[in-house]
Amino acid sequence: MLDSSERSDTWRRAFRPELRAEAIGLAFQGWSVLPGTYPTANGWFGRDGMEADGPRPVHADWQDRIGTDAEQVATWWAGKPYSLLLATGAGVDAIEVDGDLGRRAARVLRTLGFPVPIAATPESRWLFFTRSGGTLHHDLSDHDVTLRAEGDWIALPPSPVQHGVVHWRVKPEVCSWVLPPSRFVQDALLEAVDAPESTLVSAFVAAD
């Protein structure tokens, strides 16, 4: 019978093809993906076999690897189930919010009829993907909102994290890989912050 560490290793090996396929597909669409550290039974496996507080880029020179083509990206996941990271600020940014505000903003966007790629973590953090550029509106800084832009990275689905797996709430294919400007999503967040929950629920039902 397999112990917990052996089961974990088996699961990671089985998951590697899915991570690799997703990385290749995103790279073909121009998303700057990178291999990241991944959890093991004894911690996070990182660069040169050392543990890391991850996920974080495996390569120390990760910023020099931004924009790597899909063929090279495929080789990164040939042997290990690295986490799938996105280098933000290189065409794609992400706005990170808590789950409650994320759900409210998603309802606003749905009523407007403009789907936006959204990912979520097991820790109930939501990530709204936008075109790179712009700064965070000052009124959002008091609502646990973070703009992940140049010099940063985030974990993409289906990366394993501490308590589960990052997953898509809205896949990029839904909006034909067309990303909105950052301000568009920020305006939806501001509306979600200000609007009563009952108003959002009514709008959400009406949109159905």
N, C-alpha and C. Protein backbone atom coordinates (compact mmCIF):
# COMPACT_ATOMS: atom_id res chain seq x y z
N MET A 1 0.84 -1.19 0.00
CA MET A 1 0.00 0.00 0.00
C MET A 1 0.88 1.24 0.00
N LEU A 2 0.53 2.26 -0.80
CA LEU A 2 1.33 3.47 -0.90
C LEU A 2 1.13 4.35 0.32
N ASP A 3 2.25 4.92 0.85
CA ASP A 3 2.10 5.89 1.92
C ASP A 3 1.74 7.24 1.32
N SER A 4 1.52 8.24 2.18
CA SER A 4 1.02 9.53 1.71
C SER A 4 2.00 10.21 0.76
N SER A 5 3.32 10.10 1.04
CA SER A 5 4.30 10.75 0.18
C SER A 5 4.35 10.09 -1.19
N GLU A 6 4.21 8.75 -1.24
CA GLU A 6 4.22 8.05 -2.52
C GLU A 6 2.98 8.40 -3.32
N ARG A 7 1.82 8.49 -2.64
CA ARG A 7 0.59 8.88 -3.33
C ARG A 7 0.73 10.28 -3.90
N SER A 8 1.35 11.18 -3.12
CA SER A 8 1.55 12.56 -3.57
C SER A 8 2.44 12.60 -4.80
N ASP A 9 3.53 11.81 -4.80
CA ASP A 9 4.43 11.78 -5.94
C ASP A 9 3.73 11.23 -7.18
N THR A 10 2.92 10.19 -6.99
CA THR A 10 2.19 9.61 -8.11
C THR A 10 1.21 10.61 -8.69
N TRP A 11 0.52 11.36 -7.83
CA TRP A 11 -0.43 12.37 -8.29
C TRP A 11 0.28 13.44 -9.09
N ARG A 12 1.45 13.90 -8.61
CA ARG A 12 2.18 14.95 -9.32
C ARG A 12 2.63 14.47 -10.69
N ARG A 13 3.12 13.23 -10.78
CA ARG A 13 3.56 12.71 -12.08
C ARG A 13 2.40 12.63 -13.06
N ALA A 14 1.24 12.25 -12.56
CA ALA A 14 0.06 12.13 -13.42
C ALA A 14 -0.42 13.51 -13.88
N PHE A 15 -0.17 14.53 -13.07
CA PHE A 15 -0.65 15.87 -13.35
C PHE A 15 0.26 16.63 -14.31
N ARG A 16 1.51 16.18 -14.47
CA ARG A 16 2.47 16.92 -15.27
C ARG A 16 2.02 17.13 -16.71
N PRO A 17 1.46 16.12 -17.41
CA PRO A 17 1.03 16.36 -18.80
C PRO A 17 -0.01 17.47 -18.92
N GLU A 18 -0.91 17.59 -17.93
CA GLU A 18 -1.92 18.64 -17.99
C GLU A 18 -1.27 20.01 -17.81
N LEU A 19 -0.31 20.12 -16.88
CA LEU A 19 0.41 21.38 -16.70
C LEU A 19 1.17 21.75 -17.96
N ARG A 20 1.80 20.77 -18.57
CA ARG A 20 2.60 21.02 -19.78
C ARG A 20 1.70 21.47 -20.94
N ALA A 21 0.57 20.79 -21.11
CA ALA A 21 -0.34 21.16 -22.20
C ALA A 21 -0.88 22.57 -22.01
N GLU A 22 -1.23 22.92 -20.77
CA GLU A 22 -1.74 24.25 -20.51
C GLU A 22 -0.67 25.30 -20.75
N ALA A 23 0.57 25.02 -20.34
CA ALA A 23 1.67 25.96 -20.54
C ALA A 23 1.90 26.22 -22.03
N ILE A 24 1.89 25.16 -22.82
CA ILE A 24 2.11 25.31 -24.26
C ILE A 24 0.99 26.13 -24.89
N GLY A 25 -0.26 25.83 -24.51
CA GLY A 25 -1.39 26.56 -25.06
C GLY A 25 -1.35 28.04 -24.73
N LEU A 26 -0.99 28.38 -23.51
CA LEU A 26 -0.90 29.77 -23.10
C LEU A 26 0.24 30.48 -23.83
N ALA A 27 1.37 29.79 -23.98
CA ALA A 27 2.51 30.39 -24.68
C ALA A 27 2.15 30.69 -26.14
N PHE A 28 1.39 29.81 -26.77
CA PHE A 28 0.95 30.04 -28.15
C PHE A 28 0.09 31.31 -28.24
N GLN A 29 -0.61 31.63 -27.15
CA GLN A 29 -1.46 32.82 -27.14
C GLN A 29 -0.70 34.07 -26.71
N GLY A 30 0.60 33.93 -26.48
CA GLY A 30 1.41 35.09 -26.13
C GLY A 30 1.51 35.38 -24.65
N TRP A 31 1.03 34.48 -23.80
CA TRP A 31 1.15 34.66 -22.36
C TRP A 31 2.55 34.22 -21.93
N SER A 32 3.22 35.03 -21.13
CA SER A 32 4.60 34.74 -20.72
C SER A 32 4.60 33.79 -19.52
N VAL A 33 4.60 32.49 -19.83
CA VAL A 33 4.56 31.48 -18.77
C VAL A 33 5.97 31.06 -18.37
N LEU A 34 6.08 30.62 -17.12
CA LEU A 34 7.35 30.21 -16.55
C LEU A 34 7.14 28.99 -15.65
N PRO A 35 8.15 28.13 -15.52
CA PRO A 35 8.04 27.03 -14.56
C PRO A 35 8.28 27.53 -13.15
N GLY A 36 7.48 27.02 -12.21
CA GLY A 36 7.61 27.44 -10.82
C GLY A 36 7.81 26.26 -9.89
N THR A 37 8.21 26.56 -8.68
CA THR A 37 8.38 25.52 -7.68
C THR A 37 7.05 24.82 -7.43
N TYR A 38 7.13 23.59 -6.93
CA TYR A 38 5.90 22.83 -6.71
C TYR A 38 5.98 22.11 -5.37
N PRO A 39 4.83 21.85 -4.74
CA PRO A 39 4.84 21.23 -3.41
C PRO A 39 5.18 19.75 -3.46
N THR A 40 5.95 19.32 -2.49
CA THR A 40 6.25 17.91 -2.30
C THR A 40 5.89 17.54 -0.87
N ALA A 41 6.11 16.29 -0.52
CA ALA A 41 5.79 15.84 0.83
C ALA A 41 6.63 16.56 1.88
N ASN A 42 7.81 17.07 1.48
CA ASN A 42 8.71 17.70 2.43
C ASN A 42 8.83 19.22 2.26
N GLY A 43 7.94 19.80 1.47
CA GLY A 43 8.01 21.25 1.26
C GLY A 43 7.90 21.57 -0.22
N TRP A 44 8.46 22.70 -0.62
CA TRP A 44 8.41 23.14 -2.01
C TRP A 44 9.71 22.80 -2.71
N PHE A 45 9.61 22.11 -3.84
CA PHE A 45 10.80 21.79 -4.63
C PHE A 45 11.12 22.99 -5.50
N GLY A 46 12.37 23.49 -5.38
CA GLY A 46 12.72 24.70 -6.11
C GLY A 46 13.98 24.52 -6.93
N ARG A 47 14.62 25.63 -7.19
CA ARG A 47 15.81 25.66 -8.04
C ARG A 47 16.91 24.80 -7.45
N ASP A 48 17.55 23.99 -8.34
CA ASP A 48 18.68 23.14 -7.97
C ASP A 48 18.33 22.18 -6.85
N GLY A 49 17.06 21.78 -6.79
CA GLY A 49 16.66 20.79 -5.81
C GLY A 49 16.49 21.34 -4.41
N MET A 50 16.59 22.65 -4.22
CA MET A 50 16.44 23.24 -2.91
C MET A 50 14.97 23.57 -2.66
N GLU A 51 14.58 23.55 -1.39
CA GLU A 51 13.22 23.91 -1.05
C GLU A 51 13.04 25.42 -1.15
N ALA A 52 11.82 25.84 -1.42
CA ALA A 52 11.53 27.26 -1.55
C ALA A 52 10.17 27.55 -0.96
N ASP A 53 9.96 28.79 -0.62
CA ASP A 53 8.65 29.22 -0.15
C ASP A 53 7.86 29.61 -1.39
N GLY A 54 7.19 28.63 -1.98
CA GLY A 54 6.66 28.84 -3.32
C GLY A 54 5.16 28.95 -3.37
N PRO A 55 4.63 28.99 -4.61
CA PRO A 55 5.41 28.84 -5.83
C PRO A 55 6.12 30.13 -6.24
N ARG A 56 7.30 29.95 -6.79
CA ARG A 56 8.08 31.06 -7.33
C ARG A 56 8.87 30.53 -8.52
N PRO A 57 9.40 31.40 -9.37
CA PRO A 57 10.11 30.91 -10.56
C PRO A 57 11.28 30.00 -10.21
N VAL A 58 11.43 28.96 -10.99
CA VAL A 58 12.53 28.02 -10.80
C VAL A 58 13.85 28.67 -11.20
N HIS A 59 13.85 29.41 -12.29
CA HIS A 59 15.08 29.99 -12.81
C HIS A 59 15.37 31.35 -12.17
N ALA A 60 16.61 31.53 -11.71
CA ALA A 60 17.01 32.80 -11.11
C ALA A 60 16.92 33.94 -12.13
N ASP A 61 17.14 33.63 -13.40
CA ASP A 61 17.08 34.64 -14.46
C ASP A 61 15.73 34.64 -15.17
N TRP A 62 14.67 34.43 -14.40
CA TRP A 62 13.34 34.28 -15.00
C TRP A 62 12.92 35.49 -15.82
N GLN A 63 13.36 36.68 -15.44
CA GLN A 63 12.94 37.86 -16.19
C GLN A 63 13.55 37.89 -17.59
N ASP A 64 14.70 37.22 -17.75
CA ASP A 64 15.31 37.13 -19.08
C ASP A 64 14.60 36.11 -19.96
N ARG A 65 13.75 35.28 -19.36
CA ARG A 65 13.06 34.22 -20.09
C ARG A 65 11.64 34.60 -20.47
N ILE A 66 11.21 35.80 -20.10
CA ILE A 66 9.86 36.26 -20.43
C ILE A 66 9.71 36.32 -21.95
N GLY A 67 8.61 35.78 -22.43
CA GLY A 67 8.36 35.77 -23.87
C GLY A 67 8.92 34.57 -24.60
N THR A 68 9.39 33.58 -23.86
CA THR A 68 9.92 32.36 -24.48
C THR A 68 8.84 31.68 -25.33
N ASP A 69 9.25 31.17 -26.50
CA ASP A 69 8.26 30.59 -27.41
C ASP A 69 7.75 29.24 -26.91
N ALA A 70 6.65 28.81 -27.49
CA ALA A 70 5.96 27.61 -27.02
C ALA A 70 6.82 26.35 -27.13
N GLU A 71 7.67 26.28 -28.15
CA GLU A 71 8.52 25.09 -28.30
C GLU A 71 9.48 24.95 -27.13
N GLN A 72 10.09 26.04 -26.70
CA GLN A 72 10.99 25.98 -25.56
C GLN A 72 10.22 25.75 -24.27
N VAL A 73 9.05 26.38 -24.16
CA VAL A 73 8.21 26.18 -22.98
C VAL A 73 7.91 24.70 -22.79
N ALA A 74 7.67 23.98 -23.88
CA ALA A 74 7.35 22.55 -23.79
C ALA A 74 8.46 21.76 -23.11
N THR A 75 9.71 22.17 -23.32
CA THR A 75 10.83 21.44 -22.72
C THR A 75 10.91 21.64 -21.22
N TRP A 76 10.40 22.76 -20.73
CA TRP A 76 10.49 23.01 -19.29
C TRP A 76 9.69 22.01 -18.48
N TRP A 77 8.58 21.55 -19.04
CA TRP A 77 7.72 20.60 -18.32
C TRP A 77 7.94 19.16 -18.79
N ALA A 78 9.05 18.90 -19.46
CA ALA A 78 9.29 17.55 -20.00
C ALA A 78 9.55 16.53 -18.90
N GLY A 79 10.09 16.98 -17.77
CA GLY A 79 10.48 15.99 -16.76
C GLY A 79 9.88 16.17 -15.39
N LYS A 80 9.50 17.40 -15.04
CA LYS A 80 9.01 17.65 -13.68
C LYS A 80 7.67 18.38 -13.72
N PRO A 81 6.84 18.17 -12.70
CA PRO A 81 5.51 18.82 -12.66
C PRO A 81 5.58 20.22 -12.07
N TYR A 82 6.36 21.09 -12.72
CA TYR A 82 6.50 22.45 -12.22
C TYR A 82 5.16 23.16 -12.16
N SER A 83 5.02 24.05 -11.19
CA SER A 83 3.86 24.93 -11.18
C SER A 83 3.89 25.79 -12.45
N LEU A 84 2.72 26.25 -12.85
CA LEU A 84 2.60 27.08 -14.05
C LEU A 84 2.45 28.53 -13.61
N LEU A 85 3.46 29.34 -13.89
CA LEU A 85 3.44 30.74 -13.48
C LEU A 85 3.27 31.65 -14.69
N LEU A 86 2.70 32.81 -14.46
CA LEU A 86 2.61 33.88 -15.46
C LEU A 86 3.45 35.05 -14.98
N ALA A 87 4.37 35.50 -15.84
CA ALA A 87 5.11 36.73 -15.55
C ALA A 87 4.21 37.90 -15.93
N THR A 88 3.69 38.60 -14.93
CA THR A 88 2.78 39.70 -15.21
C THR A 88 3.55 40.93 -15.68
N GLY A 89 2.84 41.82 -16.36
CA GLY A 89 3.45 43.03 -16.87
C GLY A 89 4.02 42.89 -18.26
N ALA A 90 3.96 41.69 -18.83
CA ALA A 90 4.50 41.45 -20.17
C ALA A 90 3.36 41.17 -21.14
N GLY A 91 2.38 42.06 -21.14
CA GLY A 91 1.21 41.90 -22.00
C GLY A 91 -0.04 41.54 -21.23
N VAL A 92 0.14 40.85 -20.10
CA VAL A 92 -0.99 40.43 -19.28
C VAL A 92 -0.72 40.83 -17.83
N ASP A 93 -1.67 41.53 -17.22
CA ASP A 93 -1.64 41.83 -15.79
C ASP A 93 -2.76 41.05 -15.11
N ALA A 94 -2.75 41.04 -13.79
CA ALA A 94 -3.82 40.41 -13.03
C ALA A 94 -4.18 41.29 -11.85
N ILE A 95 -5.47 41.41 -11.61
CA ILE A 95 -5.96 42.14 -10.44
C ILE A 95 -6.45 41.11 -9.44
N GLU A 96 -5.82 41.09 -8.27
CA GLU A 96 -6.11 40.08 -7.25
C GLU A 96 -7.02 40.67 -6.18
N VAL A 97 -8.10 39.95 -5.87
CA VAL A 97 -9.06 40.41 -4.87
C VAL A 97 -9.48 39.22 -4.01
N ASP A 98 -10.19 39.52 -2.90
CA ASP A 98 -10.72 38.41 -2.11
C ASP A 98 -11.94 37.82 -2.80
N GLY A 99 -12.33 36.63 -2.35
CA GLY A 99 -13.39 35.90 -3.03
C GLY A 99 -14.72 36.62 -3.04
N ASP A 100 -15.08 37.31 -1.95
CA ASP A 100 -16.36 37.99 -1.89
C ASP A 100 -16.44 39.11 -2.93
N LEU A 101 -15.41 39.96 -2.96
CA LEU A 101 -15.40 41.04 -3.95
C LEU A 101 -15.29 40.47 -5.35
N GLY A 102 -14.56 39.37 -5.52
CA GLY A 102 -14.43 38.74 -6.83
C GLY A 102 -15.78 38.29 -7.37
N ARG A 103 -16.58 37.65 -6.52
CA ARG A 103 -17.90 37.20 -6.97
C ARG A 103 -18.79 38.39 -7.33
N ARG A 104 -18.73 39.44 -6.53
CA ARG A 104 -19.55 40.61 -6.79
C ARG A 104 -19.15 41.28 -8.11
N ALA A 105 -17.85 41.40 -8.33
CA ALA A 105 -17.37 42.02 -9.57
C ALA A 105 -17.71 41.16 -10.79
N ALA A 106 -17.62 39.84 -10.62
CA ALA A 106 -17.97 38.94 -11.73
C ALA A 106 -19.43 39.13 -12.13
N ARG A 107 -20.31 39.38 -11.15
CA ARG A 107 -21.72 39.62 -11.46
C ARG A 107 -21.88 40.92 -12.24
N VAL A 108 -21.13 41.95 -11.84
CA VAL A 108 -21.19 43.22 -12.58
C VAL A 108 -20.77 43.00 -14.03
N LEU A 109 -19.65 42.30 -14.22
CA LEU A 109 -19.15 42.07 -15.56
C LEU A 109 -20.13 41.24 -16.39
N ARG A 110 -20.80 40.31 -15.73
CA ARG A 110 -21.76 39.49 -16.45
C ARG A 110 -22.94 40.32 -16.92
N THR A 111 -23.42 41.24 -16.09
CA THR A 111 -24.55 42.08 -16.50
C THR A 111 -24.15 43.00 -17.65
N LEU A 112 -22.88 43.37 -17.71
CA LEU A 112 -22.40 44.21 -18.81
C LEU A 112 -22.22 43.42 -20.09
N GLY A 113 -22.18 42.09 -19.97
CA GLY A 113 -22.02 41.25 -21.16
C GLY A 113 -20.60 41.15 -21.67
N PHE A 114 -19.62 41.42 -20.79
CA PHE A 114 -18.22 41.36 -21.19
C PHE A 114 -17.47 40.38 -20.29
N PRO A 115 -17.35 39.12 -20.70
CA PRO A 115 -16.62 38.15 -19.87
C PRO A 115 -15.14 38.48 -19.82
N VAL A 116 -14.54 38.22 -18.68
CA VAL A 116 -13.12 38.46 -18.44
C VAL A 116 -12.53 37.18 -17.87
N PRO A 117 -11.33 36.77 -18.30
CA PRO A 117 -10.73 35.58 -17.69
C PRO A 117 -10.54 35.78 -16.19
N ILE A 118 -10.97 34.78 -15.43
CA ILE A 118 -10.87 34.84 -13.97
C ILE A 118 -10.36 33.49 -13.46
N ALA A 119 -9.35 33.53 -12.59
CA ALA A 119 -8.87 32.33 -11.91
C ALA A 119 -9.08 32.50 -10.41
N ALA A 120 -9.12 31.38 -9.68
CA ALA A 120 -9.31 31.44 -8.24
C ALA A 120 -8.39 30.43 -7.56
N THR A 121 -7.97 30.76 -6.35
CA THR A 121 -7.11 29.88 -5.58
C THR A 121 -7.92 29.21 -4.47
N PRO A 122 -7.40 28.13 -3.89
CA PRO A 122 -8.10 27.48 -2.77
C PRO A 122 -8.22 28.39 -1.55
N GLU A 123 -7.38 29.44 -1.49
CA GLU A 123 -7.43 30.39 -0.38
C GLU A 123 -8.45 31.50 -0.62
N SER A 124 -9.32 31.31 -1.63
CA SER A 124 -10.38 32.26 -1.96
C SER A 124 -9.82 33.61 -2.39
N ARG A 125 -8.78 33.57 -3.23
CA ARG A 125 -8.29 34.77 -3.91
C ARG A 125 -8.66 34.65 -5.38
N TRP A 126 -9.24 35.72 -5.93
CA TRP A 126 -9.66 35.73 -7.33
C TRP A 126 -8.72 36.62 -8.11
N LEU A 127 -8.43 36.21 -9.35
CA LEU A 127 -7.53 36.94 -10.24
C LEU A 127 -8.26 37.28 -11.54
N PHE A 128 -8.37 38.57 -11.82
CA PHE A 128 -9.00 39.05 -13.05
C PHE A 128 -7.88 39.47 -14.01
N PHE A 129 -7.88 38.91 -15.22
CA PHE A 129 -6.79 39.15 -16.16
C PHE A 129 -7.13 40.28 -17.12
N THR A 130 -6.16 41.18 -17.31
CA THR A 130 -6.35 42.34 -18.16
C THR A 130 -5.11 42.56 -19.01
N ARG A 131 -5.22 43.48 -19.96
CA ARG A 131 -4.03 43.91 -20.69
C ARG A 131 -3.11 44.66 -19.73
N SER A 132 -1.82 44.57 -20.00
CA SER A 132 -0.86 45.28 -19.16
C SER A 132 -1.00 46.78 -19.35
N GLY A 133 -0.70 47.50 -18.27
CA GLY A 133 -0.75 48.96 -18.34
C GLY A 133 -1.70 49.53 -17.31
N GLY A 134 -1.41 50.72 -16.86
CA GLY A 134 -2.27 51.39 -15.90
C GLY A 134 -1.83 51.15 -14.47
N THR A 135 -2.42 51.88 -13.57
CA THR A 135 -2.14 51.77 -12.15
C THR A 135 -3.43 51.46 -11.40
N LEU A 136 -3.29 51.06 -10.15
CA LEU A 136 -4.47 50.72 -9.36
C LEU A 136 -5.16 51.98 -8.86
N HIS A 137 -6.47 52.03 -9.03
CA HIS A 137 -7.26 53.16 -8.56
C HIS A 137 -7.12 53.28 -7.05
N HIS A 138 -6.92 54.49 -6.57
CA HIS A 138 -6.64 54.69 -5.14
C HIS A 138 -7.79 54.23 -4.25
N ASP A 139 -9.03 54.27 -4.76
CA ASP A 139 -10.17 53.85 -3.94
C ASP A 139 -10.21 52.34 -3.73
N LEU A 140 -9.47 51.59 -4.53
CA LEU A 140 -9.46 50.13 -4.38
C LEU A 140 -8.40 49.65 -3.38
N SER A 141 -7.44 50.50 -3.08
CA SER A 141 -6.34 50.08 -2.20
C SER A 141 -6.82 49.76 -0.79
N ASP A 142 -7.99 50.26 -0.40
CA ASP A 142 -8.52 49.99 0.94
C ASP A 142 -9.38 48.73 0.98
N HIS A 143 -9.47 48.02 -0.14
CA HIS A 143 -10.35 46.85 -0.21
C HIS A 143 -9.59 45.57 -0.55
N ASP A 144 -8.35 45.49 -0.12
CA ASP A 144 -7.54 44.28 -0.30
C ASP A 144 -7.44 43.90 -1.78
N VAL A 145 -7.21 44.91 -2.62
CA VAL A 145 -7.05 44.70 -4.06
C VAL A 145 -5.59 44.96 -4.43
N THR A 146 -5.00 44.05 -5.21
CA THR A 146 -3.60 44.16 -5.61
C THR A 146 -3.49 44.05 -7.12
N LEU A 147 -2.76 44.97 -7.71
CA LEU A 147 -2.47 44.89 -9.15
C LEU A 147 -1.15 44.17 -9.32
N ARG A 148 -1.19 43.01 -9.97
CA ARG A 148 0.02 42.22 -10.22
C ARG A 148 0.51 42.57 -11.61
N ALA A 149 1.61 43.32 -11.66
CA ALA A 149 2.08 43.87 -12.93
C ALA A 149 3.57 43.57 -13.11
N GLU A 150 4.31 44.49 -13.73
CA GLU A 150 5.70 44.26 -14.10
C GLU A 150 6.55 43.89 -12.88
N GLY A 151 7.41 42.87 -13.07
CA GLY A 151 8.29 42.42 -12.01
C GLY A 151 7.68 41.41 -11.07
N ASP A 152 6.46 40.97 -11.34
CA ASP A 152 5.76 40.05 -10.45
C ASP A 152 5.35 38.80 -11.22
N TRP A 153 4.79 37.85 -10.51
CA TRP A 153 4.28 36.63 -11.15
C TRP A 153 3.11 36.12 -10.31
N ILE A 154 2.31 35.25 -10.94
CA ILE A 154 1.21 34.59 -10.26
C ILE A 154 1.15 33.14 -10.73
N ALA A 155 0.52 32.29 -9.93
CA ALA A 155 0.30 30.90 -10.31
C ALA A 155 -0.98 30.79 -11.13
N LEU A 156 -0.90 30.06 -12.24
CA LEU A 156 -2.04 29.85 -13.13
C LEU A 156 -2.60 28.44 -12.96
N PRO A 157 -3.86 28.23 -13.33
CA PRO A 157 -4.41 26.87 -13.37
C PRO A 157 -3.62 26.02 -14.36
N PRO A 158 -3.42 24.73 -14.06
CA PRO A 158 -3.91 24.01 -12.89
C PRO A 158 -2.81 23.79 -11.84
N SER A 159 -2.10 24.83 -11.44
CA SER A 159 -0.99 24.68 -10.51
C SER A 159 -1.48 24.22 -9.13
N PRO A 160 -0.78 23.25 -8.54
CA PRO A 160 -1.08 22.88 -7.15
C PRO A 160 -0.48 23.91 -6.21
N VAL A 161 -1.23 24.26 -5.18
CA VAL A 161 -0.74 25.18 -4.16
C VAL A 161 -0.94 24.53 -2.80
N GLN A 162 -0.80 25.30 -1.74
CA GLN A 162 -0.74 24.72 -0.41
C GLN A 162 -1.96 23.88 -0.05
N HIS A 163 -3.16 24.37 -0.40
CA HIS A 163 -4.37 23.68 0.05
C HIS A 163 -5.26 23.23 -1.11
N GLY A 164 -4.70 23.02 -2.27
CA GLY A 164 -5.51 22.59 -3.40
C GLY A 164 -4.88 22.97 -4.72
N VAL A 165 -5.72 23.33 -5.68
CA VAL A 165 -5.26 23.63 -7.04
C VAL A 165 -5.88 24.94 -7.51
N VAL A 166 -5.10 25.78 -8.17
CA VAL A 166 -5.63 26.98 -8.80
C VAL A 166 -6.52 26.55 -9.97
N HIS A 167 -7.67 27.18 -10.11
CA HIS A 167 -8.61 26.76 -11.15
C HIS A 167 -9.21 27.97 -11.85
N TRP A 168 -9.72 27.73 -13.06
CA TRP A 168 -10.39 28.79 -13.82
C TRP A 168 -11.82 28.95 -13.35
N ARG A 169 -12.25 30.18 -13.12
CA ARG A 169 -13.67 30.50 -12.97
C ARG A 169 -14.25 30.87 -14.33
N VAL A 170 -13.46 31.61 -15.11
CA VAL A 170 -13.81 31.93 -16.50
C VAL A 170 -12.55 31.71 -17.33
N LYS A 171 -12.59 30.78 -18.27
CA LYS A 171 -11.41 30.49 -19.08
C LYS A 171 -11.19 31.58 -20.14
N PRO A 172 -9.94 31.79 -20.54
CA PRO A 172 -9.66 32.81 -21.57
C PRO A 172 -10.38 32.55 -22.88
N GLU A 173 -10.67 31.28 -23.19
CA GLU A 173 -11.36 30.97 -24.43
C GLU A 173 -12.75 31.59 -24.49
N VAL A 174 -13.36 31.79 -23.32
CA VAL A 174 -14.73 32.33 -23.28
C VAL A 174 -14.77 33.72 -23.90
N CYS A 175 -13.70 34.50 -23.73
CA CYS A 175 -13.66 35.85 -24.31
C CYS A 175 -12.73 35.89 -25.52
N SER A 176 -12.51 34.71 -26.13
CA SER A 176 -11.69 34.60 -27.34
C SER A 176 -10.29 35.18 -27.15
N TRP A 177 -9.77 35.07 -25.92
CA TRP A 177 -8.42 35.52 -25.58
C TRP A 177 -8.26 37.03 -25.71
N VAL A 178 -9.37 37.75 -25.77
CA VAL A 178 -9.32 39.21 -25.84
C VAL A 178 -9.40 39.76 -24.41
N LEU A 179 -8.37 40.47 -23.98
CA LEU A 179 -8.32 40.98 -22.62
C LEU A 179 -8.76 42.45 -22.59
N PRO A 180 -9.47 42.83 -21.54
CA PRO A 180 -9.89 44.22 -21.41
C PRO A 180 -8.76 45.07 -20.82
N PRO A 181 -8.86 46.39 -20.95
CA PRO A 181 -7.91 47.24 -20.23
C PRO A 181 -8.13 47.12 -18.73
N SER A 182 -7.09 47.39 -17.97
CA SER A 182 -7.18 47.27 -16.52
C SER A 182 -8.29 48.15 -15.94
N ARG A 183 -8.44 49.34 -16.45
CA ARG A 183 -9.44 50.26 -15.90
C ARG A 183 -10.85 49.72 -16.02
N PHE A 184 -11.12 48.94 -17.08
CA PHE A 184 -12.45 48.37 -17.26
C PHE A 184 -12.81 47.46 -16.09
N VAL A 185 -11.87 46.59 -15.70
CA VAL A 185 -12.12 45.68 -14.58
C VAL A 185 -12.15 46.46 -13.27
N GLN A 186 -11.29 47.46 -13.15
CA GLN A 186 -11.28 48.26 -11.92
C GLN A 186 -12.60 49.01 -11.74
N ASP A 187 -13.18 49.49 -12.82
CA ASP A 187 -14.48 50.15 -12.72
C ASP A 187 -15.55 49.17 -12.24
N ALA A 188 -15.47 47.92 -12.71
CA ALA A 188 -16.42 46.90 -12.25
C ALA A 188 -16.22 46.61 -10.77
N LEU A 189 -14.97 46.60 -10.33
CA LEU A 189 -14.68 46.38 -8.91
C LEU A 189 -15.22 47.54 -8.07
N LEU A 190 -15.04 48.76 -8.54
CA LEU A 190 -15.55 49.91 -7.82
C LEU A 190 -17.07 49.86 -7.71
N GLU A 191 -17.73 49.45 -8.79
CA GLU A 191 -19.19 49.32 -8.75
C GLU A 191 -19.61 48.23 -7.78
N ALA A 192 -18.85 47.13 -7.75
CA ALA A 192 -19.16 46.03 -6.85
C ALA A 192 -18.97 46.45 -5.39
N VAL A 193 -17.98 47.28 -5.14
CA VAL A 193 -17.74 47.77 -3.78
C VAL A 193 -18.90 48.65 -3.31
N ASP A 194 -19.39 49.49 -4.20
CA ASP A 194 -20.40 50.49 -3.82
C ASP A 194 -21.83 49.97 -3.86
N ALA A 195 -22.10 48.97 -4.71
CA ALA A 195 -23.48 48.52 -4.89
C ALA A 195 -23.92 47.61 -3.75
N PRO A 196 -25.16 47.75 -3.26
CA PRO A 196 -25.69 46.82 -2.26
C PRO A 196 -25.74 45.41 -2.82
N GLU A 197 -25.52 44.43 -1.96
CA GLU A 197 -25.54 43.04 -2.39
C GLU A 197 -26.87 42.67 -3.03
N SER A 198 -27.97 43.18 -2.50
CA SER A 198 -29.29 42.85 -3.06
C SER A 198 -29.42 43.31 -4.50
N THR A 199 -28.82 44.48 -4.82
CA THR A 199 -28.85 44.98 -6.19
C THR A 199 -28.09 44.07 -7.13
N LEU A 200 -26.92 43.60 -6.66
CA LEU A 200 -26.12 42.72 -7.50
C LEU A 200 -26.81 41.39 -7.73
N VAL A 201 -27.44 40.86 -6.69
CA VAL A 201 -28.15 39.58 -6.84
C VAL A 201 -29.29 39.73 -7.83
N SER A 202 -30.05 40.84 -7.76
CA SER A 202 -31.16 41.05 -8.68
C SER A 202 -30.67 41.16 -10.11
N ALA A 203 -29.56 41.87 -10.29
CA ALA A 203 -28.99 42.02 -11.64
C ALA A 203 -28.50 40.70 -12.17
N PHE A 204 -27.92 39.88 -11.28
CA PHE A 204 -27.39 38.58 -11.68
C PHE A 204 -28.53 37.67 -12.14
N VAL A 205 -29.64 37.67 -11.39
CA VAL A 205 -30.79 36.86 -11.75
C VAL A 205 -31.38 37.34 -13.08
N ALA A 206 -31.48 38.66 -13.23
CA ALA A 206 -32.06 39.21 -14.46
C ALA A 206 -31.22 38.84 -15.68
N ALA A 207 -29.90 38.75 -15.49
CA ALA A 207 -29.01 38.41 -16.60
C ALA A 207 -29.22 36.98 -17.07
N ASP A 208 -29.73 36.11 -16.16
CA ASP A 208 -30.00 34.73 -16.56
C ASP A 208 -31.21 34.67 -17.48
